[in-house]
Amino acid sequence: MRVIGIDPGYAIVGWGVVDYVGNRFAPVGYGAVLTDKDTPFEQRLAEIYEGVQDILRRYQPQALSLEKLFYQHNQTTVIGVAEARGVILLAAAQAGVPVYEYTPMQVKQAVTGYGKAVKRQIQEMTRTLLKLPAIPKPDDTADALAMAVTHCHCSRSQLLGTAPR
């Protein structure tokens, strides 16, 4: 199974593609779609959409794993991230890639086995599982790979009856 994990944002959209066969992980590609803060917001959304479309076309994933949106402290930020998620969801729908969403706690549990793990523990375990020489940068890319790993670990239950999104 080939899974793309995406860490949504509007300045940085981390992405990571992982193959998962026989309980073994193989990183296929990873990186980030970057937008400039001085670019008009609607153009940034277009750049995110086009970047994600290109990645989906290039890697042909069978599933997209995306972090569920949760409100933290800055209402302006959460709205912008929600809008970026919207263009990511549109790109996935147009590519025919089913979307699966996971909470931060589900990611922590799936990757480390501990629902209260800190970011560094998740990143290090992701690096170990994927046999990477270092934790990918920016952090959003490492987080996206963790999203992909999460779906791989959870896909068995997904196949047994839990529908996407």
Protein backbone atom coordinates (compact mmCIF):
# COMPACT_ATOMS: atom_id res chain seq x y z
CA MET A 1 0.00 0.00 0.00
CA ARG A 2 1.25 3.48 -0.83
CA VAL A 3 0.18 6.26 1.54
CA ILE A 4 0.79 9.99 1.48
CA GLY A 5 0.72 11.82 4.79
CA ILE A 6 0.10 15.54 4.76
CA ASP A 7 0.64 18.05 7.54
CA PRO A 8 -1.59 20.94 6.45
CA GLY A 9 -0.69 24.60 6.74
CA TYR A 10 -0.61 27.66 4.54
CA ALA A 11 3.05 28.61 4.88
CA ILE A 12 4.37 25.04 4.89
CA VAL A 13 2.51 21.91 3.80
CA GLY A 14 4.61 18.94 4.79
CA TRP A 15 4.17 15.76 2.78
CA GLY A 16 5.61 12.26 2.91
CA VAL A 17 4.95 9.18 0.80
CA VAL A 18 5.49 5.73 2.30
CA ASP A 19 5.11 2.23 0.91
CA TYR A 20 3.90 -0.32 3.46
CA VAL A 21 4.19 -3.98 2.51
CA GLY A 22 4.24 -6.93 4.89
CA ASN A 23 4.60 -4.72 7.98
CA ARG A 24 7.65 -3.03 6.46
CA PHE A 25 7.95 0.65 5.69
CA ALA A 26 9.84 2.18 2.78
CA PRO A 27 10.01 5.95 2.36
CA VAL A 28 9.31 6.88 -1.26
CA GLY A 29 9.57 10.67 -1.14
CA TYR A 30 9.02 13.60 1.18
CA GLY A 31 9.26 17.36 1.27
CA ALA A 32 7.18 20.48 1.66
CA VAL A 33 5.09 22.82 -0.42
CA LEU A 34 6.18 26.31 0.64
CA THR A 35 4.34 29.57 0.15
CA ASP A 36 5.68 33.08 0.67
CA LYS A 37 4.09 35.23 3.38
CA ASP A 38 4.08 38.23 1.04
CA THR A 39 2.00 36.41 -1.58
CA PRO A 40 -1.77 37.13 -1.51
CA PHE A 41 -3.55 34.42 0.46
CA GLU A 42 -5.71 33.21 -2.42
CA GLN A 43 -2.55 32.74 -4.52
CA ARG A 44 -0.96 30.78 -1.66
CA LEU A 45 -3.99 28.47 -1.68
CA ALA A 46 -3.60 28.02 -5.44
CA GLU A 47 0.08 27.14 -4.96
CA ILE A 48 -0.81 24.58 -2.29
CA TYR A 49 -3.49 23.06 -4.51
CA GLU A 50 -1.17 22.82 -7.52
CA GLY A 51 1.69 21.47 -5.40
CA VAL A 52 -0.46 18.74 -3.86
CA GLN A 53 -1.95 17.89 -7.26
CA ASP A 54 1.55 17.44 -8.66
CA ILE A 55 2.65 15.23 -5.75
CA LEU A 56 -0.47 13.06 -6.04
CA ARG A 57 0.07 12.70 -9.79
CA ARG A 58 3.76 11.86 -9.35
CA TYR A 59 3.45 9.29 -6.53
CA GLN A 60 -0.04 7.81 -7.14
CA PRO A 61 -0.87 7.04 -3.48
CA GLN A 62 -3.73 4.72 -2.56
CA ALA A 63 -4.65 6.75 0.53
CA LEU A 64 -4.09 10.21 1.96
CA SER A 65 -3.61 10.57 5.71
CA LEU A 66 -4.40 14.03 7.08
CA GLU A 67 -4.36 15.52 10.55
CA LYS A 68 -7.78 16.47 11.88
CA LEU A 69 -8.06 20.17 12.47
CA PHE A 70 -8.18 21.28 16.06
CA TYR A 71 -8.41 24.76 17.52
CA GLN A 72 -5.45 25.85 19.61
CA HIS A 73 -4.98 29.52 20.40
CA ASN A 74 -5.06 31.65 17.28
CA GLN A 75 -8.42 31.82 15.53
CA THR A 76 -6.88 33.50 12.47
CA THR A 77 -4.39 30.66 12.04
CA VAL A 78 -7.00 27.91 12.38
CA ILE A 79 -9.16 29.49 9.67
CA GLY A 80 -6.21 29.74 7.26
CA VAL A 81 -5.22 26.13 7.95
CA ALA A 82 -8.84 25.05 7.39
CA GLU A 83 -8.83 26.80 4.02
CA ALA A 84 -5.54 25.10 3.09
CA ARG A 85 -7.04 21.75 4.13
CA GLY A 86 -9.94 22.50 1.80
CA VAL A 87 -7.72 22.77 -1.27
CA ILE A 88 -5.82 19.64 -0.18
CA LEU A 89 -9.11 17.75 0.13
CA LEU A 90 -10.18 19.04 -3.29
CA ALA A 91 -6.92 17.85 -4.88
CA ALA A 92 -7.37 14.41 -3.26
CA ALA A 93 -10.99 14.15 -4.40
CA GLN A 94 -10.10 15.09 -7.96
CA ALA A 95 -7.29 12.52 -7.96
CA GLY A 96 -9.62 9.84 -6.60
CA VAL A 97 -7.51 9.32 -3.47
CA PRO A 98 -9.51 8.48 -0.33
CA VAL A 99 -8.76 10.65 2.70
CA TYR A 100 -8.37 9.36 6.26
CA GLU A 101 -8.13 11.77 9.17
CA TYR A 102 -6.40 11.25 12.51
CA THR A 103 -6.19 13.27 15.69
CA PRO A 104 -2.81 14.21 17.16
CA MET A 105 -3.40 11.66 19.94
CA GLN A 106 -4.06 8.90 17.39
CA VAL A 107 -0.78 9.79 15.64
CA LYS A 108 1.13 9.66 18.94
CA GLN A 109 -0.42 6.31 19.83
CA ALA A 110 0.12 4.77 16.38
CA VAL A 111 3.73 5.89 16.00
CA THR A 112 5.08 5.60 19.54
CA GLY A 113 2.53 3.47 21.35
CA TYR A 114 2.04 6.31 23.85
CA GLY A 115 -0.80 8.83 23.45
CA LYS A 116 1.03 11.56 25.34
CA ALA A 117 4.34 11.38 23.46
CA VAL A 118 6.07 14.66 22.69
CA LYS A 119 6.86 15.87 19.17
CA ARG A 120 10.53 14.84 19.36
CA GLN A 121 9.60 11.25 20.36
CA ILE A 122 7.20 10.98 17.42
CA GLN A 123 9.79 12.33 15.00
CA GLU A 124 12.53 10.02 16.27
CA MET A 125 10.28 6.95 16.12
CA THR A 126 9.20 7.90 12.58
CA ARG A 127 12.87 8.25 11.59
CA THR A 128 13.60 4.83 13.09
CA LEU A 129 10.62 3.10 11.45
CA LEU A 130 11.55 4.54 8.05
CA LYS A 131 15.29 3.94 8.55
CA LEU A 132 16.10 7.55 7.72
CA PRO A 133 19.57 8.94 8.52
CA ALA A 134 18.06 12.04 10.21
CA ILE A 135 14.72 13.53 11.11
CA PRO A 136 13.47 15.29 7.95
CA LYS A 137 13.26 19.06 7.96
CA PRO A 138 11.20 21.14 8.17
CA ASP A 139 9.27 19.64 11.10
CA ASP A 140 6.12 19.67 8.97
CA THR A 141 7.71 17.07 6.68
CA ALA A 142 8.56 14.81 9.62
CA ASP A 143 4.99 15.27 10.88
CA ALA A 144 3.61 14.31 7.46
CA LEU A 145 5.65 11.10 7.45
CA ALA A 146 4.23 10.33 10.90
CA MET A 147 0.74 10.82 9.42
CA ALA A 148 1.54 8.26 6.70
CA VAL A 149 2.91 5.79 9.27
CA THR A 150 -0.25 6.28 11.34
CA HIS A 151 -2.49 5.30 8.45
CA CYS A 152 -0.34 2.27 7.70
CA HIS A 153 -0.67 1.11 11.31
CA CYS A 154 -4.40 1.82 11.35
CA SER A 155 -5.25 0.58 7.85
CA ARG A 156 -6.18 -2.93 8.96
CA SER A 157 -9.08 -1.59 11.03
CA GLN A 158 -9.93 0.78 8.19
CA LEU A 159 -10.18 -2.18 5.81
CA LEU A 160 -12.41 -4.02 8.26
CA GLY A 161 -15.22 -1.52 7.97
CA THR A 162 -14.27 2.01 8.91
CA ALA A 163 -14.96 4.28 5.98
CA PRO A 164 -12.64 7.10 4.93
CA ARG A 165 -13.29 10.56 6.32
